[in-house]
Amino acid sequence: MAFYLSALQHCPYLPDQEELLVLSDPREKIGGMEYDQLLQKGFRRNGPVAYRPMCPQCDACISVRIPVADFQPSRSQRRTWARNRDVRLCEQNPRWDAAHARLFANYQRWRHPGGGMDEQADRLYREMIVETGGVDARLLVFEQDGRPLVVALVDVLRSGVSAVYTFYTPDLPQHGLGIFTILRQIEWTREQGLPYLYLGYWVANSRKMDYKKRFRPLEGFVAGDWRLLPEACKRE
């Protein structure tokens, strides 16, 4: 498999930093076994492309995962679970869905206003959610009274479940839908008999990534090995 380097661009997580990515060739389909091996080395997937940061002056992005057998929710997380007890989970294969596409567009306008993603929502929805390459991908759709509130794209691999991308309605901030989705994904991973839920990258000094350290224990891929992250696992 061929890999390429991206151009340097502004880092979306840390000010005054530049981002450089290692990218797989988008013309080569990545199978489940290949991607599982890449995931173990700190890669992530976006559409048909696997990528990993290789920034010249920064190593703040740490690939993280939750060992689901050891996870215990905090008091706050239990309250979030209770607030969403009437939300139903439906599992689907990735496909075009008009209601999901509208939800994706609304999420982009709310989460990334002026960033360009909201202006290209339809194309990005197809590339990020519908086009999954050769990986066993599923949509976990969270509904309330038949209305989709959350759509979470996950990859199911031998080593665990990888949370690829989640989007949800911005109309219910009091429900904590982002946190609830991770809690339900942890339970769903256990139901599949798999050991880990992979949450992508965590950056210690990024407010955007701060929520991930609330899920404990948390393991990170550091210096070529997976290890417990004590700085992310202290009780607050």
C-alpha atoms as a PDB file:
ATOM      1  CA  MET A   1       0.000   0.000   0.000  1.00  0.00           C
ATOM      2  CA  ALA A   2       1.292   3.436  -0.985  1.00  0.00           C
ATOM      3  CA  PHE A   3       1.310   6.416   1.376  1.00  0.00           C
ATOM      4  CA  TYR A   4       1.697  10.124   0.754  1.00  0.00           C
ATOM      5  CA  LEU A   5       2.330  13.280   2.766  1.00  0.00           C
ATOM      6  CA  SER A   6      -0.212  16.061   2.794  1.00  0.00           C
ATOM      7  CA  ALA A   7       0.654  19.720   2.459  1.00  0.00           C
ATOM      8  CA  LEU A   8       1.232  21.634   5.673  1.00  0.00           C
ATOM      9  CA  GLN A   9      -1.972  23.268   6.876  1.00  0.00           C
ATOM     10  CA  HIS A  10      -3.279  25.042   9.940  1.00  0.00           C
ATOM     11  CA  CYS A  11      -3.826  22.729  12.910  1.00  0.00           C
ATOM     12  CA  PRO A  12      -7.528  22.491  13.842  1.00  0.00           C
ATOM     13  CA  TYR A  13      -6.754  21.798  17.510  1.00  0.00           C
ATOM     14  CA  LEU A  14      -3.794  23.903  18.634  1.00  0.00           C
ATOM     15  CA  PRO A  15      -3.091  27.550  17.772  1.00  0.00           C
ATOM     16  CA  ASP A  16       0.173  28.447  16.097  1.00  0.00           C
ATOM     17  CA  GLN A  17       0.736  24.841  14.995  1.00  0.00           C
ATOM     18  CA  GLU A  18       0.802  23.296  11.534  1.00  0.00           C
ATOM     19  CA  GLU A  19      -0.570  19.871  10.639  1.00  0.00           C
ATOM     20  CA  LEU A  20       1.099  17.299   8.393  1.00  0.00           C
ATOM     21  CA  LEU A  21      -0.659  14.013   7.623  1.00  0.00           C
ATOM     22  CA  VAL A  22       0.427  10.640   6.273  1.00  0.00           C
ATOM     23  CA  LEU A  23      -2.307   9.535   3.861  1.00  0.00           C
ATOM     24  CA  SER A  24      -3.013   6.217   2.187  1.00  0.00           C
ATOM     25  CA  ASP A  25      -3.566   6.169  -1.560  1.00  0.00           C
ATOM     26  CA  PRO A  26      -7.329   6.777  -2.076  1.00  0.00           C
ATOM     27  CA  ARG A  27      -7.218   4.615  -5.215  1.00  0.00           C
ATOM     28  CA  GLU A  28      -6.379   1.536  -3.124  1.00  0.00           C
ATOM     29  CA  LYS A  29      -9.267  -0.020  -1.227  1.00  0.00           C
ATOM     30  CA  ILE A  30      -8.413  -0.730   2.407  1.00  0.00           C
ATOM     31  CA  GLY A  31      -9.745  -4.062   3.668  1.00  0.00           C
ATOM     32  CA  GLY A  32     -10.726  -4.811   7.232  1.00  0.00           C
ATOM     33  CA  MET A  33      -7.535  -6.719   8.117  1.00  0.00           C
ATOM     34  CA  GLU A  34      -5.317  -3.994   6.621  1.00  0.00           C
ATOM     35  CA  TYR A  35      -7.150  -1.245   8.420  1.00  0.00           C
ATOM     36  CA  ASP A  36      -7.097  -3.169  11.698  1.00  0.00           C
ATOM     37  CA  GLN A  37      -3.292  -3.243  11.465  1.00  0.00           C
ATOM     38  CA  LEU A  38      -3.165   0.466  10.650  1.00  0.00           C
ATOM     39  CA  LEU A  39      -5.488   1.266  13.559  1.00  0.00           C
ATOM     40  CA  GLN A  40      -3.059  -0.487  15.910  1.00  0.00           C
ATOM     41  CA  LYS A  41      -0.362   1.903  14.669  1.00  0.00           C
ATOM     42  CA  GLY A  42      -2.341   5.041  15.370  1.00  0.00           C
ATOM     43  CA  PHE A  43      -4.087   5.552  12.022  1.00  0.00           C
ATOM     44  CA  ARG A  44      -7.682   6.671  11.490  1.00  0.00           C
ATOM     45  CA  ARG A  45     -10.056   6.451   8.539  1.00  0.00           C
ATOM     46  CA  ASN A  46     -11.921   9.185   6.682  1.00  0.00           C
ATOM     47  CA  GLY A  47     -13.909   7.782   3.785  1.00  0.00           C
ATOM     48  CA  PRO A  48     -11.576   5.545   1.724  1.00  0.00           C
ATOM     49  CA  VAL A  49      -8.394   7.128   3.154  1.00  0.00           C
ATOM     50  CA  ALA A  50      -6.414   6.124   6.256  1.00  0.00           C
ATOM     51  CA  TYR A  51      -4.380   8.891   7.846  1.00  0.00           C
ATOM     52  CA  ARG A  52      -2.107   9.676  10.768  1.00  0.00           C
ATOM     53  CA  PRO A  53      -0.567  12.963  11.932  1.00  0.00           C
ATOM     54  CA  MET A  54       3.174  13.353  11.375  1.00  0.00           C
ATOM     55  CA  CYS A  55       3.613  16.975  12.342  1.00  0.00           C
ATOM     56  CA  PRO A  56       7.251  18.188  12.213  1.00  0.00           C
ATOM     57  CA  GLN A  57       7.281  20.043  15.553  1.00  0.00           C
ATOM     58  CA  CYS A  58       4.410  18.489  17.517  1.00  0.00           C
ATOM     59  CA  ASP A  59       3.324  15.051  18.737  1.00  0.00           C
ATOM     60  CA  ALA A  60       0.270  16.142  20.734  1.00  0.00           C
ATOM     61  CA  CYS A  61      -2.235  13.982  18.801  1.00  0.00           C
ATOM     62  CA  ILE A  62      -2.538  10.662  20.632  1.00  0.00           C
ATOM     63  CA  SER A  63      -4.730   7.852  19.307  1.00  0.00           C
ATOM     64  CA  VAL A  64      -6.906   6.676  22.217  1.00  0.00           C
ATOM     65  CA  ARG A  65      -9.145   3.753  23.066  1.00  0.00           C
ATOM     66  CA  ILE A  66     -11.344   2.621  25.957  1.00  0.00           C
ATOM     67  CA  PRO A  67     -10.973  -0.934  27.322  1.00  0.00           C
ATOM     68  CA  VAL A  68     -14.721  -1.468  27.571  1.00  0.00           C
ATOM     69  CA  ALA A  69     -14.601  -4.281  30.147  1.00  0.00           C
ATOM     70  CA  ASP A  70     -12.959  -1.925  32.646  1.00  0.00           C
ATOM     71  CA  PHE A  71     -15.060   1.167  31.994  1.00  0.00           C
ATOM     72  CA  GLN A  72     -17.251   2.486  34.800  1.00  0.00           C
ATOM     73  CA  PRO A  73     -19.406   5.576  34.142  1.00  0.00           C
ATOM     74  CA  SER A  74     -19.038   8.609  36.353  1.00  0.00           C
ATOM     75  CA  ARG A  75     -21.973  10.106  38.224  1.00  0.00           C
ATOM     76  CA  SER A  76     -22.371  12.772  35.527  1.00  0.00           C
ATOM     77  CA  GLN A  77     -22.319  10.140  32.778  1.00  0.00           C
ATOM     78  CA  ARG A  78     -24.992   8.110  34.582  1.00  0.00           C
ATOM     79  CA  ARG A  79     -27.202  11.199  34.650  1.00  0.00           C
ATOM     80  CA  THR A  80     -26.643  11.695  30.919  1.00  0.00           C
ATOM     81  CA  TRP A  81     -27.624   8.066  30.323  1.00  0.00           C
ATOM     82  CA  ALA A  82     -30.823   8.532  32.341  1.00  0.00           C
ATOM     83  CA  ARG A  83     -31.801  11.667  30.408  1.00  0.00           C
ATOM     84  CA  ASN A  84     -31.712   9.646  27.175  1.00  0.00           C
ATOM     85  CA  ARG A  85     -33.373   6.438  28.372  1.00  0.00           C
ATOM     86  CA  ASP A  86     -36.139   6.792  25.764  1.00  0.00           C
ATOM     87  CA  VAL A  87     -33.647   7.038  22.842  1.00  0.00           C
ATOM     88  CA  ARG A  88     -33.691   3.874  20.720  1.00  0.00           C
ATOM     89  CA  LEU A  89     -30.680   2.467  18.852  1.00  0.00           C
ATOM     90  CA  CYS A  90     -31.086   1.082  15.314  1.00  0.00           C
ATOM     91  CA  GLU A  91     -28.227  -0.552  13.419  1.00  0.00           C
ATOM     92  CA  GLN A  92     -28.004   0.004   9.661  1.00  0.00           C
ATOM     93  CA  ASN A  93     -25.599  -0.479   6.786  1.00  0.00           C
ATOM     94  CA  PRO A  94     -24.075   2.770   5.470  1.00  0.00           C
ATOM     95  CA  ARG A  95     -26.203   4.187   2.679  1.00  0.00           C
ATOM     96  CA  TRP A  96     -27.657   7.440   1.425  1.00  0.00           C
ATOM     97  CA  ASP A  97     -30.515   8.611   3.625  1.00  0.00           C
ATOM     98  CA  ALA A  98     -32.202  11.979   3.101  1.00  0.00           C
ATOM     99  CA  ALA A  99     -33.033  12.485   6.792  1.00  0.00           C
ATOM    100  CA  HIS A 100     -29.470  11.638   7.802  1.00  0.00           C
ATOM    101  CA  ALA A 101     -28.090  14.001   5.137  1.00  0.00           C
ATOM    102  CA  ARG A 102     -30.222  16.859   6.512  1.00  0.00           C
ATOM    103  CA  LEU A 103     -29.063  16.076  10.032  1.00  0.00           C
ATOM    104  CA  PHE A 104     -25.439  16.056   8.820  1.00  0.00           C
ATOM    105  CA  ALA A 105     -25.876  19.450   7.137  1.00  0.00           C
ATOM    106  CA  ASN A 106     -27.506  20.968  10.244  1.00  0.00           C
ATOM    107  CA  TYR A 107     -24.682  19.626  12.392  1.00  0.00           C
ATOM    108  CA  GLN A 108     -22.019  21.130  10.121  1.00  0.00           C
ATOM    109  CA  ARG A 109     -23.714  24.542  10.168  1.00  0.00           C
ATOM    110  CA  TRP A 110     -23.829  24.436  13.960  1.00  0.00           C
ATOM    111  CA  ARG A 111     -20.439  22.854  14.668  1.00  0.00           C
ATOM    112  CA  HIS A 112     -18.305  24.365  11.908  1.00  0.00           C
ATOM    113  CA  PRO A 113     -19.876  27.684  10.855  1.00  0.00           C
ATOM    114  CA  GLY A 114     -17.828  29.430   8.212  1.00  0.00           C
ATOM    115  CA  GLY A 115     -15.336  26.590   8.039  1.00  0.00           C
ATOM    116  CA  GLY A 116     -16.367  25.396   4.593  1.00  0.00           C
ATOM    117  CA  MET A 117     -17.749  22.034   5.742  1.00  0.00           C
ATOM    118  CA  ASP A 118     -21.270  23.459   6.080  1.00  0.00           C
ATOM    119  CA  GLU A 119     -21.126  24.726   2.484  1.00  0.00           C
ATOM    120  CA  GLN A 120     -20.164  21.307   1.114  1.00  0.00           C
ATOM    121  CA  ALA A 121     -22.289  19.172   3.418  1.00  0.00           C
ATOM    122  CA  ASP A 122     -23.888  16.985   0.755  1.00  0.00           C
ATOM    123  CA  ARG A 123     -20.564  15.981  -0.826  1.00  0.00           C
ATOM    124  CA  LEU A 124     -18.929  15.461   2.552  1.00  0.00           C
ATOM    125  CA  TYR A 125     -21.827  13.329   3.745  1.00  0.00           C
ATOM    126  CA  ARG A 126     -21.340  10.983   0.795  1.00  0.00           C
ATOM    127  CA  GLU A 127     -17.545  10.862   1.184  1.00  0.00           C
ATOM    128  CA  MET A 128     -17.452  10.487   4.968  1.00  0.00           C
ATOM    129  CA  ILE A 129     -20.546   8.387   5.702  1.00  0.00           C
ATOM    130  CA  VAL A 130     -21.602   6.520   2.565  1.00  0.00           C
ATOM    131  CA  GLU A 131     -18.206   5.613   1.054  1.00  0.00           C
ATOM    132  CA  THR A 132     -16.607   3.132   3.444  1.00  0.00           C
ATOM    133  CA  GLY A 133     -14.204   1.220   1.202  1.00  0.00           C
ATOM    134  CA  GLY A 134     -13.637  -2.413   2.166  1.00  0.00           C
ATOM    135  CA  VAL A 135     -14.150  -1.995   5.915  1.00  0.00           C
ATOM    136  CA  ASP A 136     -17.075  -3.520   7.834  1.00  0.00           C
ATOM    137  CA  ALA A 137     -18.819  -0.249   8.685  1.00  0.00           C
ATOM    138  CA  ARG A 138     -22.156   0.239  10.477  1.00  0.00           C
ATOM    139  CA  LEU A 139     -24.439   3.135  11.197  1.00  0.00           C
ATOM    140  CA  LEU A 140     -25.692   3.354  14.752  1.00  0.00           C
ATOM    141  CA  VAL A 141     -28.794   5.522  14.488  1.00  0.00           C
ATOM    142  CA  PHE A 142     -30.305   6.922  17.683  1.00  0.00           C
ATOM    143  CA  GLU A 143     -34.006   7.740  17.341  1.00  0.00           C
ATOM    144  CA  GLN A 144     -36.683   9.273  19.499  1.00  0.00           C
ATOM    145  CA  ASP A 145     -40.322   8.915  18.382  1.00  0.00           C
ATOM    146  CA  GLY A 146     -39.085   7.919  14.920  1.00  0.00           C
ATOM    147  CA  ARG A 147     -36.876  11.014  14.571  1.00  0.00           C
ATOM    148  CA  PRO A 148     -33.113  10.479  14.104  1.00  0.00           C
ATOM    149  CA  LEU A 149     -31.242  12.433  16.775  1.00  0.00           C
ATOM    150  CA  VAL A 150     -27.760  10.966  16.292  1.00  0.00           C
ATOM    151  CA  VAL A 151     -25.988   9.049  13.537  1.00  0.00           C
ATOM    152  CA  ALA A 152     -22.691   7.392  14.450  1.00  0.00           C
ATOM    153  CA  LEU A 153     -20.528   5.689  11.827  1.00  0.00           C
ATOM    154  CA  VAL A 154     -18.387   2.918  13.314  1.00  0.00           C
ATOM    155  CA  ASP A 155     -15.985   0.329  11.920  1.00  0.00           C
ATOM    156  CA  VAL A 156     -16.129  -3.197  13.308  1.00  0.00           C
ATOM    157  CA  LEU A 157     -12.690  -4.817  13.388  1.00  0.00           C
ATOM    158  CA  ARG A 158     -11.032  -7.773  15.076  1.00  0.00           C
ATOM    159  CA  SER A 159      -9.395  -5.565  17.689  1.00  0.00           C
ATOM    160  CA  GLY A 160     -12.486  -3.539  18.494  1.00  0.00           C
ATOM    161  CA  VAL A 161     -14.935  -0.901  17.322  1.00  0.00           C
ATOM    162  CA  SER A 162     -13.617   2.342  15.860  1.00  0.00           C
ATOM    163  CA  ALA A 163     -15.824   5.423  16.184  1.00  0.00           C
ATOM    164  CA  VAL A 164     -15.327   7.095  12.797  1.00  0.00           C
ATOM    165  CA  TYR A 165     -17.699  10.059  12.868  1.00  0.00           C
ATOM    166  CA  THR A 166     -20.763  11.141  14.824  1.00  0.00           C
ATOM    167  CA  PHE A 167     -23.242  13.890  14.062  1.00  0.00           C
ATOM    168  CA  TYR A 168     -26.356  14.860  15.984  1.00  0.00           C
ATOM    169  CA  THR A 169     -29.096  17.425  16.305  1.00  0.00           C
ATOM    170  CA  PRO A 170     -28.033  20.692  17.945  1.00  0.00           C
ATOM    171  CA  ASP A 171     -31.572  21.256  19.239  1.00  0.00           C
ATOM    172  CA  LEU A 172     -31.172  19.266  22.472  1.00  0.00           C
ATOM    173  CA  PRO A 173     -28.038  20.558  24.235  1.00  0.00           C
ATOM    174  CA  GLN A 174     -29.369  19.521  27.645  1.00  0.00           C
ATOM    175  CA  HIS A 175     -29.399  15.870  26.583  1.00  0.00           C
ATOM    176  CA  GLY A 176     -25.617  15.601  26.169  1.00  0.00           C
ATOM    177  CA  LEU A 177     -26.057  13.553  23.002  1.00  0.00           C
ATOM    178  CA  GLY A 178     -22.321  13.426  22.216  1.00  0.00           C
ATOM    179  CA  ILE A 179     -21.490  11.914  25.605  1.00  0.00           C
ATOM    180  CA  PHE A 180     -24.501   9.609  25.490  1.00  0.00           C
ATOM    181  CA  THR A 181     -23.452   8.286  22.089  1.00  0.00           C
ATOM    182  CA  ILE A 182     -20.035   7.266  23.401  1.00  0.00           C
ATOM    183  CA  LEU A 183     -21.621   5.601  26.441  1.00  0.00           C
ATOM    184  CA  ARG A 184     -23.933   3.616  24.168  1.00  0.00           C
ATOM    185  CA  GLN A 185     -21.048   2.747  21.832  1.00  0.00           C
ATOM    186  CA  ILE A 186     -19.151   1.340  24.810  1.00  0.00           C
ATOM    187  CA  GLU A 187     -22.120  -0.872  25.620  1.00  0.00           C
ATOM    188  CA  TRP A 188     -22.537  -1.838  21.958  1.00  0.00           C
ATOM    189  CA  THR A 189     -18.853  -2.800  21.750  1.00  0.00           C
ATOM    190  CA  ARG A 190     -19.328  -5.072  24.759  1.00  0.00           C
ATOM    191  CA  GLU A 191     -22.365  -6.611  23.068  1.00  0.00           C
ATOM    192  CA  GLN A 192     -20.201  -7.452  20.040  1.00  0.00           C
ATOM    193  CA  GLY A 193     -17.723  -9.249  22.318  1.00  0.00           C
ATOM    194  CA  LEU A 194     -14.927  -6.847  21.351  1.00  0.00           C
ATOM    195  CA  PRO A 195     -12.364  -5.396  23.772  1.00  0.00           C
ATOM    196  CA  TYR A 196     -11.869  -1.762  22.742  1.00  0.00           C
ATOM    197  CA  LEU A 197     -13.725   1.305  21.562  1.00  0.00           C
ATOM    198  CA  TYR A 198     -11.343   3.540  19.596  1.00  0.00           C
ATOM    199  CA  LEU A 199     -12.141   7.252  19.921  1.00  0.00           C
ATOM    200  CA  GLY A 200      -9.712   8.785  17.456  1.00  0.00           C
ATOM    201  CA  TYR A 201      -7.200  11.384  18.585  1.00  0.00           C
ATOM    202  CA  TRP A 202      -6.939  13.123  21.932  1.00  0.00           C
ATOM    203  CA  VAL A 203      -4.983  16.343  22.370  1.00  0.00           C
ATOM    204  CA  ALA A 204      -4.231  17.247  25.974  1.00  0.00           C
ATOM    205  CA  ASN A 205      -4.412  21.024  25.560  1.00  0.00           C
ATOM    206  CA  SER A 206      -7.333  21.176  23.137  1.00  0.00           C
ATOM    207  CA  ARG A 207     -10.761  22.134  24.491  1.00  0.00           C
ATOM    208  CA  LYS A 208     -12.339  20.370  21.514  1.00  0.00           C
ATOM    209  CA  MET A 209     -10.837  17.072  22.699  1.00  0.00           C
ATOM    210  CA  ASP A 210     -11.295  17.574  26.439  1.00  0.00           C
ATOM    211  CA  TYR A 211     -14.406  15.370  26.645  1.00  0.00           C
ATOM    212  CA  LYS A 212     -12.454  12.224  25.782  1.00  0.00           C
ATOM    213  CA  LYS A 213     -10.457  12.247  29.010  1.00  0.00           C
ATOM    214  CA  ARG A 214     -13.724  11.859  30.939  1.00  0.00           C
ATOM    215  CA  PHE A 215     -13.985   8.248  29.793  1.00  0.00           C
ATOM    216  CA  ARG A 216     -11.778   6.179  32.068  1.00  0.00           C
ATOM    217  CA  PRO A 217      -9.640   4.190  31.862  1.00  0.00           C
ATOM    218  CA  LEU A 218      -8.209   5.586  28.646  1.00  0.00           C
ATOM    219  CA  GLU A 219      -5.313   4.050  26.722  1.00  0.00           C
ATOM    220  CA  GLY A 220      -3.138   5.917  24.240  1.00  0.00           C
ATOM    221  CA  PHE A 221      -0.730   4.932  21.481  1.00  0.00           C
ATOM    222  CA  VAL A 222       2.515   6.495  22.712  1.00  0.00           C
ATOM    223  CA  ALA A 223       6.041   5.795  21.444  1.00  0.00           C
ATOM    224  CA  GLY A 224       4.882   2.800  19.428  1.00  0.00           C
ATOM    225  CA  ASP A 225       2.873   1.086  22.165  1.00  0.00           C
ATOM    226  CA  TRP A 226      -0.552   1.210  23.792  1.00  0.00           C
ATOM    227  CA  ARG A 227      -0.444   2.274  27.436  1.00  0.00           C
ATOM    228  CA  LEU A 228      -2.690   3.725  30.114  1.00  0.00           C
ATOM    229  CA  LEU A 229      -2.790   7.511  30.082  1.00  0.00           C
ATOM    230  CA  PRO A 230      -2.612   8.531  33.754  1.00  0.00           C
ATOM    231  CA  GLU A 231      -2.847  12.228  32.938  1.00  0.00           C
ATOM    232  CA  ALA A 232      -6.207  11.583  31.260  1.00  0.00           C
ATOM    233  CA  CYS A 233      -7.491   9.188  33.886  1.00  0.00           C
ATOM    234  CA  LYS A 234      -7.295  11.164  37.120  1.00  0.00           C
ATOM    235  CA  ARG A 235     -10.621  11.651  38.790  1.00  0.00           C
ATOM    236  CA  GLU A 236     -11.721  15.256  38.684  1.00  0.00           C
END
